[in-house]
Amino acid sequence: MPKKYKKIRVRVFKELGQEYAEVLEFVGDGICKAACMDGGTRLCSFRSRMHKRDWLHAGDFILVGKRDLRKNGKADVLFKYTADEARLLKEEDADYSSQSEDDDIGGT
Protein backbone atom coordinates (compact mmCIF):
# COMPACT_ATOMS: atom_id res chain seq x y z
CA MET A 1 0.00 0.00 0.00
CA PRO A 2 1.48 3.41 -0.94
CA LYS A 3 2.45 5.91 1.70
CA LYS A 4 0.29 9.01 1.88
CA TYR A 5 2.92 11.41 3.13
CA LYS A 6 6.02 13.03 1.73
CA LYS A 7 9.44 12.45 3.16
CA ILE A 8 10.98 15.56 4.66
CA ARG A 9 14.39 16.19 3.11
CA VAL A 10 17.01 18.03 5.08
CA ARG A 11 18.98 20.48 2.98
CA VAL A 12 22.67 19.53 2.92
CA PHE A 13 25.24 22.33 2.72
CA LYS A 14 28.86 21.94 1.64
CA GLU A 15 31.61 21.50 4.21
CA LEU A 16 35.38 21.52 4.05
CA GLY A 17 36.59 19.32 1.19
CA GLN A 18 33.22 19.39 -0.58
CA GLU A 19 32.02 21.40 -3.55
CA TYR A 20 28.82 22.06 -5.49
CA ALA A 21 28.85 20.82 -9.09
CA GLU A 22 26.67 20.37 -12.14
CA VAL A 23 26.64 17.11 -14.11
CA LEU A 24 27.91 17.60 -17.66
CA GLU A 25 27.91 14.10 -19.15
CA PHE A 26 28.21 10.43 -18.30
CA VAL A 27 31.40 8.53 -19.07
CA GLY A 28 29.99 5.13 -18.09
CA ASP A 29 30.30 2.52 -15.34
CA GLY A 30 29.03 4.83 -12.58
CA ILE A 31 31.26 7.75 -13.55
CA CYS A 32 30.16 11.20 -14.69
CA LYS A 33 31.96 14.39 -15.63
CA ALA A 34 30.94 17.41 -13.54
CA ALA A 35 31.78 21.11 -13.57
CA CYS A 36 32.53 22.26 -10.02
CA MET A 37 31.81 25.76 -8.77
CA ASP A 38 35.51 26.32 -8.03
CA GLY A 39 36.14 26.34 -11.78
CA GLY A 40 37.46 22.80 -12.24
CA THR A 41 36.04 19.83 -14.12
CA ARG A 42 36.21 16.52 -12.27
CA LEU A 43 35.41 12.87 -12.91
CA CYS A 44 32.90 11.87 -10.25
CA SER A 45 31.99 8.34 -9.25
CA PHE A 46 28.71 7.49 -7.58
CA ARG A 47 27.82 4.46 -5.52
CA SER A 48 25.38 1.74 -6.50
CA ARG A 49 22.87 3.21 -4.04
CA MET A 50 22.64 6.29 -6.27
CA HIS A 51 22.18 4.09 -9.34
CA LYS A 52 19.02 2.66 -7.83
CA ARG A 53 17.53 5.46 -5.76
CA ASP A 54 18.72 8.83 -7.13
CA TRP A 55 19.01 8.78 -10.88
CA LEU A 56 21.45 11.37 -12.17
CA HIS A 57 20.96 13.22 -15.45
CA ALA A 58 23.01 15.82 -17.29
CA GLY A 59 22.31 19.22 -15.77
CA ASP A 60 21.58 17.96 -12.24
CA PHE A 61 23.02 19.87 -9.28
CA ILE A 62 25.10 17.65 -6.96
CA LEU A 63 27.40 17.82 -3.95
CA VAL A 64 30.79 16.19 -4.48
CA GLY A 65 33.55 15.27 -2.07
CA LYS A 66 36.98 16.11 -3.44
CA ARG A 67 39.70 13.47 -3.11
CA ASP A 68 42.77 14.89 -1.40
CA LEU A 69 45.06 11.89 -1.78
CA ARG A 70 46.21 12.83 -5.24
CA LYS A 71 45.66 15.96 -7.27
CA ASN A 72 44.08 14.02 -10.13
CA GLY A 73 40.74 15.82 -10.44
CA LYS A 74 38.51 13.03 -9.15
CA ALA A 75 35.61 13.25 -6.70
CA ASP A 76 32.74 11.25 -5.22
CA VAL A 77 29.07 12.18 -5.55
CA LEU A 78 27.66 12.63 -2.05
CA PHE A 79 24.19 14.09 -2.59
CA LYS A 80 21.80 14.99 -5.41
CA TYR A 81 19.66 18.12 -5.06
CA THR A 82 16.16 18.52 -6.45
CA ALA A 83 15.48 21.42 -8.83
CA ASP A 84 13.92 23.52 -6.05
CA GLU A 85 16.78 22.83 -3.63
CA ALA A 86 19.33 23.73 -6.30
CA ARG A 87 17.54 27.01 -7.02
CA LEU A 88 17.51 27.92 -3.31
CA LEU A 89 21.19 27.01 -2.89
CA LYS A 90 22.19 29.13 -5.87
CA GLU A 91 20.32 32.10 -4.40
CA GLU A 92 21.74 31.71 -0.87
CA ASP A 93 25.31 30.60 -1.46
CA ALA A 94 27.77 33.50 -1.47
CA ASP A 95 30.41 31.53 -3.38
CA TYR A 96 28.04 30.78 -6.23
CA SER A 97 26.63 34.30 -6.44
CA SER A 98 30.12 35.81 -6.51
CA GLN A 99 30.75 34.20 -9.90
CA SER A 100 29.87 36.30 -12.91
CA GLU A 101 26.47 35.76 -14.46
CA ASP A 102 28.06 35.34 -17.91
CA ASP A 103 29.73 32.01 -16.98
CA ASP A 104 27.76 29.12 -18.45
CA ILE A 105 28.77 25.96 -16.63
CA GLY A 106 26.53 23.54 -18.49
CA GLY A 107 27.80 24.55 -21.91
CA THR A 108 24.30 24.71 -23.40
PDB file of N, CA and C in Angstrom:
ATOM      1  N   MET A   1       0.834  -1.166   0.000  1.00  0.00           N
ATOM      2  CA  MET A   1       0.000   0.000   0.000  1.00  0.00           C
ATOM      3  C   MET A   1       0.894   1.250   0.000  1.00  0.00           C
ATOM      4  N   PRO A   2       0.614   2.241  -0.859  1.00  0.00           N
ATOM      5  CA  PRO A   2       1.481   3.413  -0.944  1.00  0.00           C
ATOM      6  C   PRO A   2       1.359   4.300   0.295  1.00  0.00           C
ATOM      7  N   LYS A   3       2.450   4.976   0.578  1.00  0.00           N
ATOM      8  CA  LYS A   3       2.454   5.906   1.697  1.00  0.00           C
ATOM      9  C   LYS A   3       1.756   7.192   1.283  1.00  0.00           C
ATOM     10  N   LYS A   4       1.059   7.814   2.212  1.00  0.00           N
ATOM     11  CA  LYS A   4       0.294   9.012   1.885  1.00  0.00           C
ATOM     12  C   LYS A   4       0.943  10.269   2.442  1.00  0.00           C
ATOM     13  N   TYR A   5       2.230  10.232   2.645  1.00  0.00           N
ATOM     14  CA  TYR A   5       2.924  11.409   3.133  1.00  0.00           C
ATOM     15  C   TYR A   5       4.246  11.548   2.398  1.00  0.00           C
ATOM     16  N   LYS A   6       4.738  12.770   2.376  1.00  0.00           N
ATOM     17  CA  LYS A   6       6.019  13.031   1.735  1.00  0.00           C
ATOM     18  C   LYS A   6       7.129  12.934   2.758  1.00  0.00           C
ATOM     19  N   LYS A   7       8.264  12.462   2.310  1.00  0.00           N
ATOM     20  CA  LYS A   7       9.439  12.446   3.165  1.00  0.00           C
ATOM     21  C   LYS A   7       9.986  13.861   3.274  1.00  0.00           C
ATOM     22  N   ILE A   8      10.391  14.246   4.455  1.00  0.00           N
ATOM     23  CA  ILE A   8      10.979  15.558   4.655  1.00  0.00           C
ATOM     24  C   ILE A   8      12.479  15.439   4.405  1.00  0.00           C
ATOM     25  N   ARG A   9      12.968  16.213   3.443  1.00  0.00           N
ATOM     26  CA  ARG A   9      14.387  16.186   3.110  1.00  0.00           C
ATOM     27  C   ARG A   9      15.094  17.331   3.815  1.00  0.00           C
ATOM     28  N   VAL A  10      16.190  17.023   4.433  1.00  0.00           N
ATOM     29  CA  VAL A  10      17.012  18.034   5.082  1.00  0.00           C
ATOM     30  C   VAL A  10      17.993  18.565   4.047  1.00  0.00           C
ATOM     31  N   ARG A  11      18.073  19.881   3.945  1.00  0.00           N
ATOM     32  CA  ARG A  11      18.980  20.476   2.980  1.00  0.00           C
ATOM     33  C   ARG A  11      20.419  20.312   3.459  1.00  0.00           C
ATOM     34  N   VAL A  12      21.274  19.803   2.590  1.00  0.00           N
ATOM     35  CA  VAL A  12      22.670  19.532   2.925  1.00  0.00           C
ATOM     36  C   VAL A  12      23.529  20.636   2.325  1.00  0.00           C
ATOM     37  N   PHE A  13      24.333  21.284   3.176  1.00  0.00           N
ATOM     38  CA  PHE A  13      25.241  22.325   2.717  1.00  0.00           C
ATOM     39  C   PHE A  13      26.648  21.758   2.612  1.00  0.00           C
ATOM     40  N   LYS A  14      27.493  22.434   1.823  1.00  0.00           N
ATOM     41  CA  LYS A  14      28.856  21.942   1.644  1.00  0.00           C
ATOM     42  C   LYS A  14      29.695  22.229   2.881  1.00  0.00           C
ATOM     43  N   GLU A  15      30.669  21.366   3.102  1.00  0.00           N
ATOM     44  CA  GLU A  15      31.609  21.505   4.205  1.00  0.00           C
ATOM     45  C   GLU A  15      33.016  21.546   3.624  1.00  0.00           C
ATOM     46  N   LEU A  16      33.994  21.501   4.488  1.00  0.00           N
ATOM     47  CA  LEU A  16      35.380  21.517   4.053  1.00  0.00           C
ATOM     48  C   LEU A  16      35.684  20.261   3.234  1.00  0.00           C
ATOM     49  N   GLY A  17      36.262  20.442   2.063  1.00  0.00           N
ATOM     50  CA  GLY A  17      36.588  19.315   1.194  1.00  0.00           C
ATOM     51  C   GLY A  17      35.450  18.909   0.275  1.00  0.00           C
ATOM     52  N   GLN A  18      34.360  19.674   0.282  1.00  0.00           N
ATOM     53  CA  GLN A  18      33.219  19.387  -0.580  1.00  0.00           C
ATOM     54  C   GLN A  18      32.961  20.589  -1.477  1.00  0.00           C
ATOM     55  N   GLU A  19      32.279  20.336  -2.592  1.00  0.00           N
ATOM     56  CA  GLU A  19      32.017  21.399  -3.555  1.00  0.00           C
ATOM     57  C   GLU A  19      30.707  21.118  -4.275  1.00  0.00           C
ATOM     58  N   TYR A  20      30.014  22.195  -4.660  1.00  0.00           N
ATOM     59  CA  TYR A  20      28.824  22.056  -5.492  1.00  0.00           C
ATOM     60  C   TYR A  20      29.265  21.859  -6.938  1.00  0.00           C
ATOM     61  N   ALA A  21      28.493  21.077  -7.691  1.00  0.00           N
ATOM     62  CA  ALA A  21      28.854  20.818  -9.087  1.00  0.00           C
ATOM     63  C   ALA A  21      27.594  20.567  -9.902  1.00  0.00           C
ATOM     64  N   GLU A  22      27.751  20.655 -11.206  1.00  0.00           N
ATOM     65  CA  GLU A  22      26.666  20.370 -12.142  1.00  0.00           C
ATOM     66  C   GLU A  22      27.127  19.265 -13.086  1.00  0.00           C
ATOM     67  N   VAL A  23      26.290  18.256 -13.270  1.00  0.00           N
ATOM     68  CA  VAL A  23      26.636  17.111 -14.108  1.00  0.00           C
ATOM     69  C   VAL A  23      26.662  17.554 -15.567  1.00  0.00           C
ATOM     70  N   LEU A  24      27.773  17.259 -16.248  1.00  0.00           N
ATOM     71  CA  LEU A  24      27.905  17.601 -17.660  1.00  0.00           C
ATOM     72  C   LEU A  24      27.534  16.431 -18.557  1.00  0.00           C
ATOM     73  N   GLU A  25      28.163  15.266 -18.324  1.00  0.00           N
ATOM     74  CA  GLU A  25      27.905  14.097 -19.153  1.00  0.00           C
ATOM     75  C   GLU A  25      28.299  12.843 -18.390  1.00  0.00           C
ATOM     76  N   PHE A  26      27.884  11.706 -18.906  1.00  0.00           N
ATOM     77  CA  PHE A  26      28.214  10.429 -18.303  1.00  0.00           C
ATOM     78  C   PHE A  26      29.290   9.741 -19.118  1.00  0.00           C
ATOM     79  N   VAL A  27      30.302   9.241 -18.425  1.00  0.00           N
ATOM     80  CA  VAL A  27      31.397   8.526 -19.067  1.00  0.00           C
ATOM     81  C   VAL A  27      31.059   7.051 -19.156  1.00  0.00           C
ATOM     82  N   GLY A  28      30.385   6.528 -18.137  1.00  0.00           N
ATOM     83  CA  GLY A  28      29.990   5.132 -18.090  1.00  0.00           C
ATOM     84  C   GLY A  28      30.504   4.459 -16.836  1.00  0.00           C
ATOM     85  N   ASP A  29      29.896   3.326 -16.484  1.00  0.00           N
ATOM     86  CA  ASP A  29      30.301   2.517 -15.340  1.00  0.00           C
ATOM     87  C   ASP A  29      30.260   3.307 -14.029  1.00  0.00           C
ATOM     88  N   GLY A  30      29.198   4.089 -13.827  1.00  0.00           N
ATOM     89  CA  GLY A  30      29.032   4.830 -12.583  1.00  0.00           C
ATOM     90  C   GLY A  30      29.913   6.051 -12.454  1.00  0.00           C
ATOM     91  N   ILE A  31      30.379   6.585 -13.567  1.00  0.00           N
ATOM     92  CA  ILE A  31      31.258   7.752 -13.547  1.00  0.00           C
ATOM     93  C   ILE A  31      30.660   8.838 -14.434  1.00  0.00           C
ATOM     94  N   CYS A  32      30.651  10.065 -13.906  1.00  0.00           N
ATOM     95  CA  CYS A  32      30.164  11.195 -14.686  1.00  0.00           C
ATOM     96  C   CYS A  32      31.189  12.319 -14.637  1.00  0.00           C
ATOM     97  N   LYS A  33      31.095  13.216 -15.595  1.00  0.00           N
ATOM     98  CA  LYS A  33      31.957  14.389 -15.630  1.00  0.00           C
ATOM     99  C   LYS A  33      31.133  15.564 -15.125  1.00  0.00           C
ATOM    100  N   ALA A  34      31.682  16.313 -14.152  1.00  0.00           N
ATOM    101  CA  ALA A  34      30.938  17.408 -13.536  1.00  0.00           C
ATOM    102  C   ALA A  34      31.787  18.668 -13.492  1.00  0.00           C
ATOM    103  N   ALA A  35      31.123  19.808 -13.668  1.00  0.00           N
ATOM    104  CA  ALA A  35      31.775  21.111 -13.569  1.00  0.00           C
ATOM    105  C   ALA A  35      31.552  21.644 -12.166  1.00  0.00           C
ATOM    106  N   CYS A  36      32.624  21.787 -11.408  1.00  0.00           N
ATOM    107  CA  CYS A  36      32.528  22.258 -10.024  1.00  0.00           C
ATOM    108  C   CYS A  36      32.487  23.783  -9.995  1.00  0.00           C
ATOM    109  N   MET A  37      31.949  24.324  -8.899  1.00  0.00           N
ATOM    110  CA  MET A  37      31.812  25.763  -8.766  1.00  0.00           C
ATOM    111  C   MET A  37      33.142  26.464  -8.506  1.00  0.00           C
ATOM    112  N   ASP A  38      34.197  25.704  -8.206  1.00  0.00           N
ATOM    113  CA  ASP A  38      35.507  26.322  -8.031  1.00  0.00           C
ATOM    114  C   ASP A  38      36.236  26.488  -9.363  1.00  0.00           C
ATOM    115  N   GLY A  39      35.583  26.132 -10.456  1.00  0.00           N
ATOM    116  CA  GLY A  39      36.144  26.337 -11.780  1.00  0.00           C
ATOM    117  C   GLY A  39      36.752  25.107 -12.417  1.00  0.00           C
ATOM    118  N   GLY A  40      36.851  24.003 -11.706  1.00  0.00           N
ATOM    119  CA  GLY A  40      37.456  22.796 -12.245  1.00  0.00           C
ATOM    120  C   GLY A  40      36.424  21.806 -12.754  1.00  0.00           C
ATOM    121  N   THR A  41      36.870  20.923 -13.630  1.00  0.00           N
ATOM    122  CA  THR A  41      36.037  19.829 -14.115  1.00  0.00           C
ATOM    123  C   THR A  41      36.606  18.539 -13.550  1.00  0.00           C
ATOM    124  N   ARG A  42      35.746  17.732 -12.929  1.00  0.00           N
ATOM    125  CA  ARG A  42      36.206  16.516 -12.268  1.00  0.00           C
ATOM    126  C   ARG A  42      35.424  15.305 -12.752  1.00  0.00           C
ATOM    127  N   LEU A  43      36.088  14.146 -12.705  1.00  0.00           N
ATOM    128  CA  LEU A  43      35.414  12.874 -12.911  1.00  0.00           C
ATOM    129  C   LEU A  43      34.857  12.438 -11.563  1.00  0.00           C
ATOM    130  N   CYS A  44      33.557  12.205 -11.511  1.00  0.00           N
ATOM    131  CA  CYS A  44      32.896  11.874 -10.247  1.00  0.00           C
ATOM    132  C   CYS A  44      32.317  10.471 -10.332  1.00  0.00           C
ATOM    133  N   SER A  45      32.568   9.676  -9.310  1.00  0.00           N
ATOM    134  CA  SER A  45      31.986   8.339  -9.254  1.00  0.00           C
ATOM    135  C   SER A  45      30.861   8.347  -8.234  1.00  0.00           C
ATOM    136  N   PHE A  46      29.810   7.579  -8.524  1.00  0.00           N
ATOM    137  CA  PHE A  46      28.707   7.486  -7.577  1.00  0.00           C
ATOM    138  C   PHE A  46      28.423   6.037  -7.270  1.00  0.00           C
ATOM    139  N   ARG A  47      27.999   5.807  -6.034  1.00  0.00           N
ATOM    140  CA  ARG A  47      27.820   4.456  -5.518  1.00  0.00           C
ATOM    141  C   ARG A  47      26.602   3.790  -6.152  1.00  0.00           C
ATOM    142  N   SER A  48      26.500   2.494  -5.932  1.00  0.00           N
ATOM    143  CA  SER A  48      25.379   1.745  -6.498  1.00  0.00           C
ATOM    144  C   SER A  48      24.060   2.176  -5.878  1.00  0.00           C
ATOM    145  N   ARG A  49      24.096   2.712  -4.658  1.00  0.00           N
ATOM    146  CA  ARG A  49      22.873   3.215  -4.039  1.00  0.00           C
ATOM    147  C   ARG A  49      22.278   4.349  -4.867  1.00  0.00           C
ATOM    148  N   MET A  50      23.129   5.185  -5.443  1.00  0.00           N
ATOM    149  CA  MET A  50      22.643   6.289  -6.269  1.00  0.00           C
ATOM    150  C   MET A  50      22.137   5.784  -7.612  1.00  0.00           C
ATOM    151  N   HIS A  51      22.680   4.665  -8.094  1.00  0.00           N
ATOM    152  CA  HIS A  51      22.183   4.089  -9.343  1.00  0.00           C
ATOM    153  C   HIS A  51      20.712   3.727  -9.194  1.00  0.00           C
ATOM    154  N   LYS A  52      20.360   3.192  -8.034  1.00  0.00           N
ATOM    155  CA  LYS A  52      19.019   2.657  -7.834  1.00  0.00           C
ATOM    156  C   LYS A  52      18.032   3.689  -7.319  1.00  0.00           C
ATOM    157  N   ARG A  53      18.472   4.558  -6.414  1.00  0.00           N
ATOM    158  CA  ARG A  53      17.534   5.465  -5.763  1.00  0.00           C
ATOM    159  C   ARG A  53      17.495   6.849  -6.407  1.00  0.00           C
ATOM    160  N   ASP A  54      18.635   7.474  -6.588  1.00  0.00           N
ATOM    161  CA  ASP A  54      18.716   8.828  -7.129  1.00  0.00           C
ATOM    162  C   ASP A  54      19.331   8.776  -8.515  1.00  0.00           C
ATOM    163  N   TRP A  55      18.510   8.829  -9.517  1.00  0.00           N
ATOM    164  CA  TRP A  55      19.009   8.780 -10.882  1.00  0.00           C
ATOM    165  C   TRP A  55      19.588  10.137 -11.239  1.00  0.00           C
ATOM    166  N   LEU A  56      20.791  10.138 -11.771  1.00  0.00           N
ATOM    167  CA  LEU A  56      21.449  11.371 -12.172  1.00  0.00           C
ATOM    168  C   LEU A  56      21.277  11.580 -13.667  1.00  0.00           C
ATOM    169  N   HIS A  57      21.092  12.832 -14.043  1.00  0.00           N
ATOM    170  CA  HIS A  57      20.964  13.218 -15.446  1.00  0.00           C
ATOM    171  C   HIS A  57      21.878  14.412 -15.696  1.00  0.00           C
ATOM    172  N   ALA A  58      22.201  14.653 -16.948  1.00  0.00           N
ATOM    173  CA  ALA A  58      23.006  15.816 -17.291  1.00  0.00           C
ATOM    174  C   ALA A  58      22.240  17.078 -16.902  1.00  0.00           C
ATOM    175  N   GLY A  59      22.925  17.986 -16.228  1.00  0.00           N
ATOM    176  CA  GLY A  59      22.306  19.223 -15.774  1.00  0.00           C
ATOM    177  C   GLY A  59      21.867  19.199 -14.321  1.00  0.00           C
ATOM    178  N   ASP A  60      21.954  18.052 -13.656  1.00  0.00           N
ATOM    179  CA  ASP A  60      21.577  17.960 -12.241  1.00  0.00           C
ATOM    180  C   ASP A  60      22.623  18.653 -11.372  1.00  0.00           C
ATOM    181  N   PHE A  61      22.167  19.182 -10.244  1.00  0.00           N
ATOM    182  CA  PHE A  61      23.024  19.869  -9.278  1.00  0.00           C
ATOM    183  C   PHE A  61      23.364  18.887  -8.174  1.00  0.00           C
ATOM    184  N   ILE A  62      24.660  18.670  -7.913  1.00  0.00           N
ATOM    185  CA  ILE A  62      25.097  17.650  -6.957  1.00  0.00           C
ATOM    186  C   ILE A  62      26.126  18.234  -5.987  1.00  0.00           C
ATOM    187  N   LEU A  63      26.350  17.512  -4.907  1.00  0.00           N
ATOM    188  CA  LEU A  63      27.403  17.823  -3.947  1.00  0.00           C
ATOM    189  C   LEU A  63      28.467  16.747  -4.083  1.00  0.00           C
ATOM    190  N   VAL A  64      29.711  17.157  -4.307  1.00  0.00           N
ATOM    191  CA  VAL A  64      30.789  16.194  -4.483  1.00  0.00           C
ATOM    192  C   VAL A  64      31.822  16.366  -3.378  1.00  0.00           C
ATOM    193  N   GLY A  65      32.448  15.259  -3.021  1.00  0.00           N
ATOM    194  CA  GLY A  65      33.548  15.272  -2.066  1.00  0.00           C
ATOM    195  C   GLY A  65      34.851  15.127  -2.820  1.00  0.00           C
ATOM    196  N   LYS A  66      35.712  16.135  -2.719  1.00  0.00           N
ATOM    197  CA  LYS A  66      36.983  16.105  -3.440  1.00  0.00           C
ATOM    198  C   LYS A  66      37.931  15.108  -2.786  1.00  0.00           C
ATOM    199  N   ARG A  67      38.697  14.407  -3.610  1.00  0.00           N
ATOM    200  CA  ARG A  67      39.698  13.466  -3.110  1.00  0.00           C
ATOM    201  C   ARG A  67      41.010  14.216  -2.923  1.00  0.00           C
ATOM    202  N   ASP A  68      41.552  14.150  -1.708  1.00  0.00           N
ATOM    203  CA  ASP A  68      42.771  14.888  -1.399  1.00  0.00           C
ATOM    204  C   ASP A  68      44.029  14.044  -1.511  1.00  0.00           C
ATOM    205  N   LEU A  69      43.883  12.757  -1.737  1.00  0.00           N
ATOM    206  CA  LEU A  69      45.055  11.889  -1.779  1.00  0.00           C
ATOM    207  C   LEU A  69      45.986  12.255  -2.920  1.00  0.00           C
ATOM    208  N   ARG A  70      45.426  12.446  -4.071  1.00  0.00           N
ATOM    209  CA  ARG A  70      46.211  12.833  -5.239  1.00  0.00           C
ATOM    210  C   ARG A  70      45.502  14.000  -5.910  1.00  0.00           C
ATOM    211  N   LYS A  71      46.247  14.820  -6.560  1.00  0.00           N
ATOM    212  CA  LYS A  71      45.661  15.957  -7.274  1.00  0.00           C
ATOM    213  C   LYS A  71      45.312  15.529  -8.696  1.00  0.00           C
ATOM    214  N   ASN A  72      44.403  14.563  -8.818  1.00  0.00           N
ATOM    215  CA  ASN A  72      44.082  14.021 -10.133  1.00  0.00           C
ATOM    216  C   ASN A  72      42.720  14.457 -10.650  1.00  0.00           C
ATOM    217  N   GLY A  73      42.010  15.315  -9.943  1.00  0.00           N
ATOM    218  CA  GLY A  73      40.743  15.821 -10.438  1.00  0.00           C
ATOM    219  C   GLY A  73      39.612  14.829 -10.351  1.00  0.00           C
ATOM    220  N   LYS A  74      39.595  13.985  -9.322  1.00  0.00           N
ATOM    221  CA  LYS A  74      38.507  13.035  -9.146  1.00  0.00           C
ATOM    222  C   LYS A  74      37.740  13.375  -7.879  1.00  0.00           C
ATOM    223  N   ALA A  75      36.460  12.965  -7.855  1.00  0.00           N
ATOM    224  CA  ALA A  75      35.611  13.255  -6.700  1.00  0.00           C
ATOM    225  C   ALA A  75      34.550  12.171  -6.586  1.00  0.00           C
ATOM    226  N   ASP A  76      33.834  12.185  -5.465  1.00  0.00           N
ATOM    227  CA  ASP A  76      32.744  11.253  -5.219  1.00  0.00           C
ATOM    228  C   ASP A  76      31.446  12.034  -5.072  1.00  0.00           C
ATOM    229  N   VAL A  77      30.372  11.539  -5.677  1.00  0.00           N
ATOM    230  CA  VAL A  77      29.066  12.178  -5.548  1.00  0.00           C
ATOM    231  C   VAL A  77      28.505  11.821  -4.179  1.00  0.00           C
ATOM    232  N   LEU A  78      28.174  12.844  -3.396  1.00  0.00           N
ATOM    233  CA  LEU A  78      27.663  12.628  -2.051  1.00  0.00           C
ATOM    234  C   LEU A  78      26.154  12.808  -1.957  1.00  0.00           C
ATOM    235  N   PHE A  79      25.603  13.754  -2.728  1.00  0.00           N
ATOM    236  CA  PHE A  79      24.187  14.088  -2.590  1.00  0.00           C
ATOM    237  C   PHE A  79      23.684  14.694  -3.888  1.00  0.00           C
ATOM    238  N   LYS A  80      22.444  14.393  -4.239  1.00  0.00           N
ATOM    239  CA  LYS A  80      21.803  14.991  -5.410  1.00  0.00           C
ATOM    240  C   LYS A  80      20.691  15.911  -4.926  1.00  0.00           C
ATOM    241  N   TYR A  81      20.677  17.142  -5.436  1.00  0.00           N
ATOM    242  CA  TYR A  81      19.664  18.116  -5.061  1.00  0.00           C
ATOM    243  C   TYR A  81      18.513  18.092  -6.059  1.00  0.00           C
ATOM    244  N   THR A  82      17.298  18.359  -5.560  1.00  0.00           N
ATOM    245  CA  THR A  82      16.157  18.522  -6.452  1.00  0.00           C
ATOM    246  C   THR A  82      16.275  19.883  -7.128  1.00  0.00           C
ATOM    247  N   ALA A  83      15.420  20.144  -8.106  1.00  0.00           N
ATOM    248  CA  ALA A  83      15.477  21.415  -8.828  1.00  0.00           C
ATOM    249  C   ALA A  83      15.192  22.593  -7.897  1.00  0.00           C
ATOM    250  N   ASP A  84      14.241  22.440  -6.987  1.00  0.00           N
ATOM    251  CA  ASP A  84      13.916  23.518  -6.054  1.00  0.00           C
ATOM    252  C   ASP A  84      15.050  23.762  -5.065  1.00  0.00           C
ATOM    253  N   GLU A  85      15.654  22.690  -4.560  1.00  0.00           N
ATOM    254  CA  GLU A  85      16.775  22.833  -3.631  1.00  0.00           C
ATOM    255  C   GLU A  85      17.968  23.493  -4.316  1.00  0.00           C
ATOM    256  N   ALA A  86      18.215  23.139  -5.561  1.00  0.00           N
ATOM    257  CA  ALA A  86      19.327  23.728  -6.303  1.00  0.00           C
ATOM    258  C   ALA A  86      19.095  25.221  -6.511  1.00  0.00           C
ATOM    259  N   ARG A  87      17.871  25.593  -6.828  1.00  0.00           N
ATOM    260  CA  ARG A  87      17.544  27.010  -7.018  1.00  0.00           C
ATOM    261  C   ARG A  87      17.769  27.798  -5.728  1.00  0.00           C
ATOM    262  N   LEU A  88      17.326  27.247  -4.600  1.00  0.00           N
ATOM    263  CA  LEU A  88      17.515  27.922  -3.314  1.00  0.00           C
ATOM    264  C   LEU A  88      18.992  28.024  -2.938  1.00  0.00           C
ATOM    265  N   LEU A  89      19.751  26.976  -3.193  1.00  0.00           N
ATOM    266  CA  LEU A  89      21.186  27.015  -2.885  1.00  0.00           C
ATOM    267  C   LEU A  89      21.914  28.052  -3.730  1.00  0.00           C
ATOM    268  N   LYS A  90      21.553  28.153  -4.994  1.00  0.00           N
ATOM    269  CA  LYS A  90      22.192  29.131  -5.867  1.00  0.00           C
ATOM    270  C   LYS A  90      21.886  30.552  -5.411  1.00  0.00           C
ATOM    271  N   GLU A  91      20.682  30.775  -4.890  1.00  0.00           N
ATOM    272  CA  GLU A  91      20.320  32.103  -4.400  1.00  0.00           C
ATOM    273  C   GLU A  91      21.032  32.437  -3.092  1.00  0.00           C
ATOM    274  N   GLU A  92      21.203  31.455  -2.212  1.00  0.00           N
ATOM    275  CA  GLU A  92      21.739  31.707  -0.873  1.00  0.00           C
ATOM    276  C   GLU A  92      23.255  31.647  -0.788  1.00  0.00           C
ATOM    277  N   ASP A  93      23.882  30.834  -1.606  1.00  0.00           N
ATOM    278  CA  ASP A  93      25.314  30.599  -1.458  1.00  0.00           C
ATOM    279  C   ASP A  93      26.116  31.793  -1.962  1.00  0.00           C
ATOM    280  N   ALA A  94      26.970  32.329  -1.105  1.00  0.00           N
ATOM    281  CA  ALA A  94      27.773  33.499  -1.466  1.00  0.00           C
ATOM    282  C   ALA A  94      28.838  33.143  -2.495  1.00  0.00           C
ATOM    283  N   ASP A  95      29.391  31.935  -2.420  1.00  0.00           N
ATOM    284  CA  ASP A  95      30.415  31.529  -3.379  1.00  0.00           C
ATOM    285  C   ASP A  95      29.842  31.451  -4.784  1.00  0.00           C
ATOM    286  N   TYR A  96      28.634  30.925  -4.904  1.00  0.00           N
ATOM    287  CA  TYR A  96      28.037  30.777  -6.226  1.00  0.00           C
ATOM    288  C   TYR A  96      27.648  32.134  -6.790  1.00  0.00           C
ATOM    289  N   SER A  97      27.084  33.008  -5.942  1.00  0.00           N
ATOM    290  CA  SER A  97      26.626  34.299  -6.435  1.00  0.00           C
ATOM    291  C   SER A  97      27.787  35.235  -6.751  1.00  0.00           C
ATOM    292  N   SER A  98      28.979  34.959  -6.219  1.00  0.00           N
ATOM    293  CA  SER A  98      30.124  35.812  -6.510  1.00  0.00           C
ATOM    294  C   SER A  98      30.662  35.581  -7.919  1.00  0.00           C
ATOM    295  N   GLN A  99      30.318  34.446  -8.527  1.00  0.00           N
ATOM    296  CA  GLN A  99      30.749  34.199  -9.900  1.00  0.00           C
ATOM    297  C   GLN A  99      29.966  35.113 -10.834  1.00  0.00           C
ATOM    298  N   SER A 100      30.549  35.422 -11.967  1.00  0.00           N
ATOM    299  CA  SER A 100      29.867  36.297 -12.909  1.00  0.00           C
ATOM    300  C   SER A 100      28.685  35.576 -13.530  1.00  0.00           C
ATOM    301  N   GLU A 101      27.679  36.333 -13.885  1.00  0.00           N
ATOM    302  CA  GLU A 101      26.469  35.764 -14.465  1.00  0.00           C
ATOM    303  C   GLU A 101      26.700  35.284 -15.897  1.00  0.00           C
ATOM    304  N   ASP A 102      27.789  35.726 -16.527  1.00  0.00           N
ATOM    305  CA  ASP A 102      28.058  35.337 -17.911  1.00  0.00           C
ATOM    306  C   ASP A 102      28.628  33.934 -18.024  1.00  0.00           C
ATOM    307  N   ASP A 103      29.155  33.365 -16.941  1.00  0.00           N
ATOM    308  CA  ASP A 103      29.725  32.014 -16.980  1.00  0.00           C
ATOM    309  C   ASP A 103      28.614  31.005 -17.173  1.00  0.00           C
ATOM    310  N   ASP A 104      28.737  30.175 -18.196  1.00  0.00           N
ATOM    311  CA  ASP A 104      27.758  29.121 -18.449  1.00  0.00           C
ATOM    312  C   ASP A 104      28.438  27.798 -18.164  1.00  0.00           C
ATOM    313  N   ILE A 105      28.097  27.183 -17.052  1.00  0.00           N
ATOM    314  CA  ILE A 105      28.774  25.960 -16.629  1.00  0.00           C
ATOM    315  C   ILE A 105      28.331  24.774 -17.460  1.00  0.00           C
ATOM    316  N   GLY A 106      27.053  24.692 -17.784  1.00  0.00           N
ATOM    317  CA  GLY A 106      26.533  23.539 -18.494  1.00  0.00           C
ATOM    318  C   GLY A 106      26.976  23.456 -19.937  1.00  0.00           C
ATOM    319  N   GLY A 107      27.341  24.571 -20.528  1.00  0.00           N
ATOM    320  CA  GLY A 107      27.796  24.551 -21.908  1.00  0.00           C
ATOM    321  C   GLY A 107      26.665  24.500 -22.915  1.00  0.00           C
ATOM    322  N   THR A 108      25.428  24.725 -22.463  1.00  0.00           N
ATOM    323  CA  THR A 108      24.304  24.707 -23.399  1.00  0.00           C
ATOM    324  C   THR A 108      23.737  26.072 -23.580  1.00  0.00           C
TER     325      THR A 108
END
